[in-house]
Amino acid sequence: MCLRAGLIFDDQASLTQLFKLLRASHPKLQHLGSQDKDVVRVLNSFSSVVDALNTIRNHASVAHPNDKLLDDAEAMLMVNATRTLFHYLNAKV
């Protein structure tokens, strides 16, 4: 999405950095309606979620060899948080 929007970013940028760039710079994420301030608060909170998801992906999932995986309920929470964010971004941009 950053690339398609023509946003400049480092090739080594983390997922969290890319999400923050997208949120701060994508034209379709600048004016978010009558509750803009609160929607921005939610999206900014998702930056922390994205950062945690990245850590969990690397250290508690089958994406990499790990001895300890998330329990089912926590794994579904991570999946659903990711789906929610992707659904919003796809609908918005």
PDB file of N, CA and C in Angstrom:
ATOM      1  N   MET A   1       0.816  -1.192   0.000  1.00  0.00           N
ATOM      2  CA  MET A   1       0.000   0.000   0.000  1.00  0.00           C
ATOM      3  C   MET A   1       0.861   1.258   0.000  1.00  0.00           C
ATOM      4  N   CYS A   2       1.957   1.214   0.759  1.00  0.00           N
ATOM      5  CA  CYS A   2       2.866   2.372   0.775  1.00  0.00           C
ATOM      6  C   CYS A   2       3.454   2.596  -0.613  1.00  0.00           C
ATOM      7  N   LEU A   3       3.876   1.533  -1.230  1.00  0.00           N
ATOM      8  CA  LEU A   3       4.481   1.623  -2.555  1.00  0.00           C
ATOM      9  C   LEU A   3       3.469   2.136  -3.580  1.00  0.00           C
ATOM     10  N   ARG A   4       2.272   1.573  -3.572  1.00  0.00           N
ATOM     11  CA  ARG A   4       1.232   2.016  -4.508  1.00  0.00           C
ATOM     12  C   ARG A   4       0.859   3.479  -4.313  1.00  0.00           C
ATOM     13  N   ALA A   5       0.971   3.968  -3.079  1.00  0.00           N
ATOM     14  CA  ALA A   5       0.632   5.364  -2.790  1.00  0.00           C
ATOM     15  C   ALA A   5       1.801   6.295  -3.084  1.00  0.00           C
ATOM     16  N   GLY A   6       2.936   5.720  -3.499  1.00  0.00           N
ATOM     17  CA  GLY A   6       4.109   6.547  -3.809  1.00  0.00           C
ATOM     18  C   GLY A   6       4.830   7.061  -2.578  1.00  0.00           C
ATOM     19  N   LEU A   7       4.636   6.399  -1.440  1.00  0.00           N
ATOM     20  CA  LEU A   7       5.301   6.827  -0.217  1.00  0.00           C
ATOM     21  C   LEU A   7       6.737   6.317  -0.209  1.00  0.00           C
ATOM     22  N   ILE A   8       7.634   7.147   0.253  1.00  0.00           N
ATOM     23  CA  ILE A   8       9.060   6.804   0.302  1.00  0.00           C
ATOM     24  C   ILE A   8       9.355   6.124   1.635  1.00  0.00           C
ATOM     25  N   PHE A   9      10.009   4.963   1.568  1.00  0.00           N
ATOM     26  CA  PHE A   9      10.368   4.242   2.780  1.00  0.00           C
ATOM     27  C   PHE A   9      11.638   3.445   2.555  1.00  0.00           C
ATOM     28  N   ASP A  10      12.327   3.161   3.633  1.00  0.00           N
ATOM     29  CA  ASP A  10      13.552   2.371   3.616  1.00  0.00           C
ATOM     30  C   ASP A  10      13.209   0.913   3.340  1.00  0.00           C
ATOM     31  N   ASP A  11      14.020   0.240   2.542  1.00  0.00           N
ATOM     32  CA  ASP A  11      13.788  -1.173   2.238  1.00  0.00           C
ATOM     33  C   ASP A  11      13.815  -2.051   3.490  1.00  0.00           C
ATOM     34  N   GLN A  12      14.474  -1.579   4.533  1.00  0.00           N
ATOM     35  CA  GLN A  12      14.580  -2.336   5.779  1.00  0.00           C
ATOM     36  C   GLN A  12      13.545  -1.905   6.813  1.00  0.00           C
ATOM     37  N   ALA A  13      12.573  -1.099   6.407  1.00  0.00           N
ATOM     38  CA  ALA A  13      11.552  -0.616   7.347  1.00  0.00           C
ATOM     39  C   ALA A  13      10.769  -1.781   7.927  1.00  0.00           C
ATOM     40  N   SER A  14      10.480  -1.688   9.206  1.00  0.00           N
ATOM     41  CA  SER A  14       9.697  -2.732   9.863  1.00  0.00           C
ATOM     42  C   SER A  14       8.223  -2.573   9.499  1.00  0.00           C
ATOM     43  N   LEU A  15       7.461  -3.596   9.783  1.00  0.00           N
ATOM     44  CA  LEU A  15       6.023  -3.551   9.554  1.00  0.00           C
ATOM     45  C   LEU A  15       5.390  -2.408  10.347  1.00  0.00           C
ATOM     46  N   THR A  16       5.855  -2.216  11.572  1.00  0.00           N
ATOM     47  CA  THR A  16       5.341  -1.128  12.404  1.00  0.00           C
ATOM     48  C   THR A  16       5.645   0.225  11.780  1.00  0.00           C
ATOM     49  N   GLN A  17       6.855   0.410  11.294  1.00  0.00           N
ATOM     50  CA  GLN A  17       7.225   1.673  10.646  1.00  0.00           C
ATOM     51  C   GLN A  17       6.392   1.917   9.398  1.00  0.00           C
ATOM     52  N   LEU A  18       6.152   0.870   8.624  1.00  0.00           N
ATOM     53  CA  LEU A  18       5.346   1.015   7.412  1.00  0.00           C
ATOM     54  C   LEU A  18       3.900   1.364   7.744  1.00  0.00           C
ATOM     55  N   PHE A  19       3.347   0.750   8.778  1.00  0.00           N
ATOM     56  CA  PHE A  19       1.986   1.070   9.175  1.00  0.00           C
ATOM     57  C   PHE A  19       1.886   2.525   9.621  1.00  0.00           C
ATOM     58  N   LYS A  20       2.844   2.977  10.417  1.00  0.00           N
ATOM     59  CA  LYS A  20       2.839   4.367  10.869  1.00  0.00           C
ATOM     60  C   LYS A  20       2.967   5.329   9.686  1.00  0.00           C
ATOM     61  N   LEU A  21       3.819   4.997   8.726  1.00  0.00           N
ATOM     62  CA  LEU A  21       3.966   5.825   7.531  1.00  0.00           C
ATOM     63  C   LEU A  21       2.658   5.875   6.753  1.00  0.00           C
ATOM     64  N   LEU A  22       2.042   4.732   6.562  1.00  0.00           N
ATOM     65  CA  LEU A  22       0.775   4.667   5.841  1.00  0.00           C
ATOM     66  C   LEU A  22      -0.272   5.516   6.554  1.00  0.00           C
ATOM     67  N   ARG A  23      -0.387   5.362   7.841  1.00  0.00           N
ATOM     68  CA  ARG A  23      -1.367   6.119   8.625  1.00  0.00           C
ATOM     69  C   ARG A  23      -1.109   7.627   8.545  1.00  0.00           C
ATOM     70  N   ALA A  24       0.142   8.021   8.619  1.00  0.00           N
ATOM     71  CA  ALA A  24       0.475   9.442   8.651  1.00  0.00           C
ATOM     72  C   ALA A  24       0.460  10.099   7.273  1.00  0.00           C
ATOM     73  N   SER A  25       0.681   9.320   6.212  1.00  0.00           N
ATOM     74  CA  SER A  25       0.929   9.941   4.908  1.00  0.00           C
ATOM     75  C   SER A  25      -0.048   9.573   3.800  1.00  0.00           C
ATOM     76  N   HIS A  26      -0.784   8.485   3.930  1.00  0.00           N
ATOM     77  CA  HIS A  26      -1.684   8.106   2.841  1.00  0.00           C
ATOM     78  C   HIS A  26      -2.853   9.089   2.791  1.00  0.00           C
ATOM     79  N   PRO A  27      -3.139   9.665   1.623  1.00  0.00           N
ATOM     80  CA  PRO A  27      -4.205  10.666   1.524  1.00  0.00           C
ATOM     81  C   PRO A  27      -5.577  10.185   1.987  1.00  0.00           C
ATOM     82  N   LYS A  28      -5.881   8.914   1.794  1.00  0.00           N
ATOM     83  CA  LYS A  28      -7.196   8.410   2.184  1.00  0.00           C
ATOM     84  C   LYS A  28      -7.304   8.127   3.679  1.00  0.00           C
ATOM     85  N   LEU A  29      -6.209   8.285   4.399  1.00  0.00           N
ATOM     86  CA  LEU A  29      -6.227   8.081   5.841  1.00  0.00           C
ATOM     87  C   LEU A  29      -6.041   9.393   6.598  1.00  0.00           C
ATOM     88  N   GLN A  30      -6.272  10.502   5.919  1.00  0.00           N
ATOM     89  CA  GLN A  30      -6.068  11.805   6.544  1.00  0.00           C
ATOM     90  C   GLN A  30      -7.335  12.388   7.145  1.00  0.00           C
ATOM     91  N   HIS A  31      -8.442  12.242   6.504  1.00  0.00           N
ATOM     92  CA  HIS A  31      -9.715  12.787   6.985  1.00  0.00           C
ATOM     93  C   HIS A  31     -10.668  11.615   7.179  1.00  0.00           C
ATOM     94  N   LEU A  32     -10.950  11.319   8.441  1.00  0.00           N
ATOM     95  CA  LEU A  32     -11.637  10.073   8.764  1.00  0.00           C
ATOM     96  C   LEU A  32     -13.049  10.280   9.293  1.00  0.00           C
ATOM     97  N   GLY A  33     -13.681  11.342   8.871  1.00  0.00           N
ATOM     98  CA  GLY A  33     -15.086  11.552   9.192  1.00  0.00           C
ATOM     99  C   GLY A  33     -15.322  12.350  10.448  1.00  0.00           C
ATOM    100  N   SER A  34     -16.569  12.326  10.885  1.00  0.00           N
ATOM    101  CA  SER A  34     -17.000  13.180  11.991  1.00  0.00           C
ATOM    102  C   SER A  34     -16.335  12.828  13.318  1.00  0.00           C
ATOM    103  N   GLN A  35     -15.876  11.630  13.466  1.00  0.00           N
ATOM    104  CA  GLN A  35     -15.188  11.198  14.693  1.00  0.00           C
ATOM    105  C   GLN A  35     -13.698  11.010  14.447  1.00  0.00           C
ATOM    106  N   ASP A  36     -13.148  11.859  13.590  1.00  0.00           N
ATOM    107  CA  ASP A  36     -11.744  11.755  13.165  1.00  0.00           C
ATOM    108  C   ASP A  36     -10.794  11.559  14.341  1.00  0.00           C
ATOM    109  N   LYS A  37     -10.924  12.373  15.366  1.00  0.00           N
ATOM    110  CA  LYS A  37      -9.994  12.317  16.499  1.00  0.00           C
ATOM    111  C   LYS A  37      -9.984  10.941  17.157  1.00  0.00           C
ATOM    112  N   ASP A  38     -11.152  10.371  17.366  1.00  0.00           N
ATOM    113  CA  ASP A  38     -11.227   9.058  18.010  1.00  0.00           C
ATOM    114  C   ASP A  38     -10.788   7.933  17.082  1.00  0.00           C
ATOM    115  N   VAL A  39     -11.113   8.040  15.795  1.00  0.00           N
ATOM    116  CA  VAL A  39     -10.656   7.034  14.834  1.00  0.00           C
ATOM    117  C   VAL A  39      -9.132   7.052  14.760  1.00  0.00           C
ATOM    118  N   VAL A  40      -8.539   8.243  14.775  1.00  0.00           N
ATOM    119  CA  VAL A  40      -7.077   8.356  14.779  1.00  0.00           C
ATOM    120  C   VAL A  40      -6.500   7.695  16.028  1.00  0.00           C
ATOM    121  N   ARG A  41      -7.152   7.877  17.167  1.00  0.00           N
ATOM    122  CA  ARG A  41      -6.679   7.229  18.396  1.00  0.00           C
ATOM    123  C   ARG A  41      -6.686   5.711  18.247  1.00  0.00           C
ATOM    124  N   VAL A  42      -7.735   5.170  17.654  1.00  0.00           N
ATOM    125  CA  VAL A  42      -7.817   3.721  17.452  1.00  0.00           C
ATOM    126  C   VAL A  42      -6.714   3.262  16.495  1.00  0.00           C
ATOM    127  N   LEU A  43      -6.549   3.978  15.384  1.00  0.00           N
ATOM    128  CA  LEU A  43      -5.507   3.594  14.426  1.00  0.00           C
ATOM    129  C   LEU A  43      -4.114   3.705  15.036  1.00  0.00           C
ATOM    130  N   ASN A  44      -3.876   4.735  15.831  1.00  0.00           N
ATOM    131  CA  ASN A  44      -2.582   4.852  16.496  1.00  0.00           C
ATOM    132  C   ASN A  44      -2.363   3.709  17.470  1.00  0.00           C
ATOM    133  N   SER A  45      -3.421   3.277  18.118  1.00  0.00           N
ATOM    134  CA  SER A  45      -3.306   2.123  19.020  1.00  0.00           C
ATOM    135  C   SER A  45      -2.959   0.861  18.245  1.00  0.00           C
ATOM    136  N   PHE A  46      -3.453   0.775  17.017  1.00  0.00           N
ATOM    137  CA  PHE A  46      -3.119  -0.378  16.186  1.00  0.00           C
ATOM    138  C   PHE A  46      -1.625  -0.439  15.868  1.00  0.00           C
ATOM    139  N   SER A  47      -0.913   0.663  15.967  1.00  0.00           N
ATOM    140  CA  SER A  47       0.541   0.624  15.779  1.00  0.00           C
ATOM    141  C   SER A  47       1.175  -0.277  16.826  1.00  0.00           C
ATOM    142  N   SER A  48       0.696  -0.173  18.057  1.00  0.00           N
ATOM    143  CA  SER A  48       1.190  -1.052  19.121  1.00  0.00           C
ATOM    144  C   SER A  48       0.792  -2.496  18.855  1.00  0.00           C
ATOM    145  N   VAL A  49      -0.413  -2.695  18.345  1.00  0.00           N
ATOM    146  CA  VAL A  49      -0.882  -4.039  18.009  1.00  0.00           C
ATOM    147  C   VAL A  49      -0.001  -4.644  16.922  1.00  0.00           C
ATOM    148  N   VAL A  50       0.280  -3.873  15.870  1.00  0.00           N
ATOM    149  CA  VAL A  50       1.128  -4.357  14.775  1.00  0.00           C
ATOM    150  C   VAL A  50       2.507  -4.732  15.304  1.00  0.00           C
ATOM    151  N   ASP A  51       3.058  -3.909  16.181  1.00  0.00           N
ATOM    152  CA  ASP A  51       4.373  -4.191  16.751  1.00  0.00           C
ATOM    153  C   ASP A  51       4.341  -5.496  17.550  1.00  0.00           C
ATOM    154  N   ALA A  52       3.314  -5.678  18.378  1.00  0.00           N
ATOM    155  CA  ALA A  52       3.196  -6.914  19.167  1.00  0.00           C
ATOM    156  C   ALA A  52       2.968  -8.127  18.272  1.00  0.00           C
ATOM    157  N   LEU A  53       2.134  -7.966  17.242  1.00  0.00           N
ATOM    158  CA  LEU A  53       1.885  -9.074  16.314  1.00  0.00           C
ATOM    159  C   LEU A  53       3.171  -9.538  15.647  1.00  0.00           C
ATOM    160  N   ASN A  54       4.015  -8.599  15.290  1.00  0.00           N
ATOM    161  CA  ASN A  54       5.281  -8.947  14.650  1.00  0.00           C
ATOM    162  C   ASN A  54       6.157  -9.776  15.595  1.00  0.00           C
ATOM    163  N   THR A  55       6.214  -9.361  16.848  1.00  0.00           N
ATOM    164  CA  THR A  55       6.991 -10.113  17.842  1.00  0.00           C
ATOM    165  C   THR A  55       6.403 -11.503  18.050  1.00  0.00           C
ATOM    166  N   ILE A  56       5.085 -11.578  18.173  1.00  0.00           N
ATOM    167  CA  ILE A  56       4.421 -12.873  18.362  1.00  0.00           C
ATOM    168  C   ILE A  56       4.651 -13.774  17.161  1.00  0.00           C
ATOM    169  N   ARG A  57       4.555 -13.207  15.969  1.00  0.00           N
ATOM    170  CA  ARG A  57       4.800 -13.990  14.753  1.00  0.00           C
ATOM    171  C   ARG A  57       6.189 -14.606  14.783  1.00  0.00           C
ATOM    172  N   ASN A  58       7.166 -13.833  15.218  1.00  0.00           N
ATOM    173  CA  ASN A  58       8.542 -14.316  15.217  1.00  0.00           C
ATOM    174  C   ASN A  58       8.862 -15.276  16.359  1.00  0.00           C
ATOM    175  N   HIS A  59       8.165 -15.141  17.496  1.00  0.00           N
ATOM    176  CA  HIS A  59       8.566 -15.896  18.679  1.00  0.00           C
ATOM    177  C   HIS A  59       7.515 -16.850  19.235  1.00  0.00           C
ATOM    178  N   ALA A  60       6.304 -16.854  18.673  1.00  0.00           N
ATOM    179  CA  ALA A  60       5.275 -17.728  19.246  1.00  0.00           C
ATOM    180  C   ALA A  60       4.338 -18.288  18.188  1.00  0.00           C
ATOM    181  N   SER A  61       4.832 -18.421  16.964  1.00  0.00           N
ATOM    182  CA  SER A  61       4.004 -18.992  15.898  1.00  0.00           C
ATOM    183  C   SER A  61       4.842 -19.976  15.088  1.00  0.00           C
ATOM    184  N   VAL A  62       4.201 -20.607  14.120  1.00  0.00           N
ATOM    185  CA  VAL A  62       4.919 -21.553  13.270  1.00  0.00           C
ATOM    186  C   VAL A  62       5.613 -20.855  12.096  1.00  0.00           C
ATOM    187  N   ALA A  63       5.566 -19.517  12.063  1.00  0.00           N
ATOM    188  CA  ALA A  63       6.269 -18.782  11.008  1.00  0.00           C
ATOM    189  C   ALA A  63       7.777 -18.999  11.108  1.00  0.00           C
ATOM    190  N   HIS A  64       8.255 -19.247  12.313  1.00  0.00           N
ATOM    191  CA  HIS A  64       9.661 -19.555  12.583  1.00  0.00           C
ATOM    192  C   HIS A  64       9.677 -20.725  13.566  1.00  0.00           C
ATOM    193  N   PRO A  65      10.771 -21.468  13.602  1.00  0.00           N
ATOM    194  CA  PRO A  65      10.835 -22.560  14.577  1.00  0.00           C
ATOM    195  C   PRO A  65      10.735 -22.020  16.012  1.00  0.00           C
ATOM    196  N   ASN A  66       9.727 -22.431  16.725  1.00  0.00           N
ATOM    197  CA  ASN A  66       9.513 -21.997  18.108  1.00  0.00           C
ATOM    198  C   ASN A  66       9.031 -23.176  18.931  1.00  0.00           C
ATOM    199  N   ASP A  67       9.564 -23.286  20.139  1.00  0.00           N
ATOM    200  CA  ASP A  67       9.140 -24.349  21.048  1.00  0.00           C
ATOM    201  C   ASP A  67       7.801 -24.028  21.699  1.00  0.00           C
ATOM    202  N   LYS A  68       7.566 -22.752  21.991  1.00  0.00           N
ATOM    203  CA  LYS A  68       6.342 -22.341  22.673  1.00  0.00           C
ATOM    204  C   LYS A  68       5.466 -21.549  21.720  1.00  0.00           C
ATOM    205  N   LEU A  69       4.276 -22.056  21.479  1.00  0.00           N
ATOM    206  CA  LEU A  69       3.318 -21.396  20.601  1.00  0.00           C
ATOM    207  C   LEU A  69       2.174 -20.811  21.430  1.00  0.00           C
ATOM    208  N   LEU A  70       1.459 -19.891  20.826  1.00  0.00           N
ATOM    209  CA  LEU A  70       0.283 -19.331  21.483  1.00  0.00           C
ATOM    210  C   LEU A  70      -0.766 -20.411  21.696  1.00  0.00           C
ATOM    211  N   ASP A  71      -1.550 -20.251  22.752  1.00  0.00           N
ATOM    212  CA  ASP A  71      -2.711 -21.119  22.935  1.00  0.00           C
ATOM    213  C   ASP A  71      -3.752 -20.732  21.889  1.00  0.00           C
ATOM    214  N   ASP A  72      -4.731 -21.591  21.693  1.00  0.00           N
ATOM    215  CA  ASP A  72      -5.720 -21.386  20.629  1.00  0.00           C
ATOM    216  C   ASP A  72      -6.454 -20.052  20.728  1.00  0.00           C
ATOM    217  N   ALA A  73      -6.918 -19.694  21.911  1.00  0.00           N
ATOM    218  CA  ALA A  73      -7.697 -18.455  22.055  1.00  0.00           C
ATOM    219  C   ALA A  73      -6.847 -17.232  21.718  1.00  0.00           C
ATOM    220  N   GLU A  74      -5.610 -17.216  22.180  1.00  0.00           N
ATOM    221  CA  GLU A  74      -4.726 -16.082  21.890  1.00  0.00           C
ATOM    222  C   GLU A  74      -4.342 -16.058  20.421  1.00  0.00           C
ATOM    223  N   ALA A  75      -4.149 -17.224  19.832  1.00  0.00           N
ATOM    224  CA  ALA A  75      -3.835 -17.286  18.401  1.00  0.00           C
ATOM    225  C   ALA A  75      -4.986 -16.713  17.574  1.00  0.00           C
ATOM    226  N   MET A  76      -6.228 -17.054  17.936  1.00  0.00           N
ATOM    227  CA  MET A  76      -7.384 -16.518  17.213  1.00  0.00           C
ATOM    228  C   MET A  76      -7.516 -15.009  17.411  1.00  0.00           C
ATOM    229  N   LEU A  77      -7.164 -14.515  18.586  1.00  0.00           N
ATOM    230  CA  LEU A  77      -7.169 -13.068  18.820  1.00  0.00           C
ATOM    231  C   LEU A  77      -6.206 -12.386  17.865  1.00  0.00           C
ATOM    232  N   MET A  78      -5.018 -12.955  17.682  1.00  0.00           N
ATOM    233  CA  MET A  78      -4.023 -12.367  16.778  1.00  0.00           C
ATOM    234  C   MET A  78      -4.525 -12.408  15.331  1.00  0.00           C
ATOM    235  N   VAL A  79      -5.096 -13.536  14.940  1.00  0.00           N
ATOM    236  CA  VAL A  79      -5.631 -13.673  13.581  1.00  0.00           C
ATOM    237  C   VAL A  79      -6.740 -12.647  13.344  1.00  0.00           C
ATOM    238  N   ASN A  80      -7.650 -12.533  14.288  1.00  0.00           N
ATOM    239  CA  ASN A  80      -8.773 -11.613  14.123  1.00  0.00           C
ATOM    240  C   ASN A  80      -8.341 -10.152  14.155  1.00  0.00           C
ATOM    241  N   ALA A  81      -7.362  -9.809  14.973  1.00  0.00           N
ATOM    242  CA  ALA A  81      -6.844  -8.436  14.987  1.00  0.00           C
ATOM    243  C   ALA A  81      -6.230  -8.104  13.630  1.00  0.00           C
ATOM    244  N   THR A  82      -5.490  -9.042  13.072  1.00  0.00           N
ATOM    245  CA  THR A  82      -4.873  -8.841  11.759  1.00  0.00           C
ATOM    246  C   THR A  82      -5.941  -8.701  10.684  1.00  0.00           C
ATOM    247  N   ARG A  83      -6.925  -9.576  10.700  1.00  0.00           N
ATOM    248  CA  ARG A  83      -8.015  -9.504   9.720  1.00  0.00           C
ATOM    249  C   ARG A  83      -8.747  -8.175   9.804  1.00  0.00           C
ATOM    250  N   THR A  84      -9.010  -7.726  11.010  1.00  0.00           N
ATOM    251  CA  THR A  84      -9.720  -6.463  11.204  1.00  0.00           C
ATOM    252  C   THR A  84      -8.944  -5.307  10.598  1.00  0.00           C
ATOM    253  N   LEU A  85      -7.662  -5.259  10.874  1.00  0.00           N
ATOM    254  CA  LEU A  85      -6.827  -4.181  10.343  1.00  0.00           C
ATOM    255  C   LEU A  85      -6.744  -4.247   8.820  1.00  0.00           C
ATOM    256  N   PHE A  86      -6.506  -5.426   8.264  1.00  0.00           N
ATOM    257  CA  PHE A  86      -6.430  -5.562   6.805  1.00  0.00           C
ATOM    258  C   PHE A  86      -7.757  -5.229   6.136  1.00  0.00           C
ATOM    259  N   HIS A  87      -8.852  -5.666   6.744  1.00  0.00           N
ATOM    260  CA  HIS A  87     -10.169  -5.361   6.190  1.00  0.00           C
ATOM    261  C   HIS A  87     -10.386  -3.849   6.129  1.00  0.00           C
ATOM    262  N   TYR A  88     -10.065  -3.158   7.199  1.00  0.00           N
ATOM    263  CA  TYR A  88     -10.219  -1.702   7.230  1.00  0.00           C
ATOM    264  C   TYR A  88      -9.351  -1.033   6.166  1.00  0.00           C
ATOM    265  N   LEU A  89      -8.068  -1.405   6.126  1.00  0.00           N
ATOM    266  CA  LEU A  89      -7.153  -0.767   5.177  1.00  0.00           C
ATOM    267  C   LEU A  89      -7.566  -1.035   3.730  1.00  0.00           C
ATOM    268  N   ASN A  90      -7.978  -2.258   3.431  1.00  0.00           N
ATOM    269  CA  ASN A  90      -8.443  -2.571   2.075  1.00  0.00           C
ATOM    270  C   ASN A  90      -9.685  -1.780   1.711  1.00  0.00           C
ATOM    271  N   ALA A  91     -10.597  -1.618   2.644  1.00  0.00           N
ATOM    272  CA  ALA A  91     -11.816  -0.858   2.380  1.00  0.00           C
ATOM    273  C   ALA A  91     -11.518   0.638   2.214  1.00  0.00           C
ATOM    274  N   LYS A  92     -10.545   1.117   2.946  1.00  0.00           N
ATOM    275  CA  LYS A  92     -10.249   2.545   2.963  1.00  0.00           C
ATOM    276  C   LYS A  92      -9.392   2.976   1.794  1.00  0.00           C
ATOM    277  N   VAL A  93      -8.383   2.204   1.462  1.00  0.00           N
ATOM    278  CA  VAL A  93      -7.469   2.607   0.390  1.00  0.00           C
ATOM    279  C   VAL A  93      -7.674   1.743  -0.834  1.00  0.00           C
TER     280      VAL A  93
END
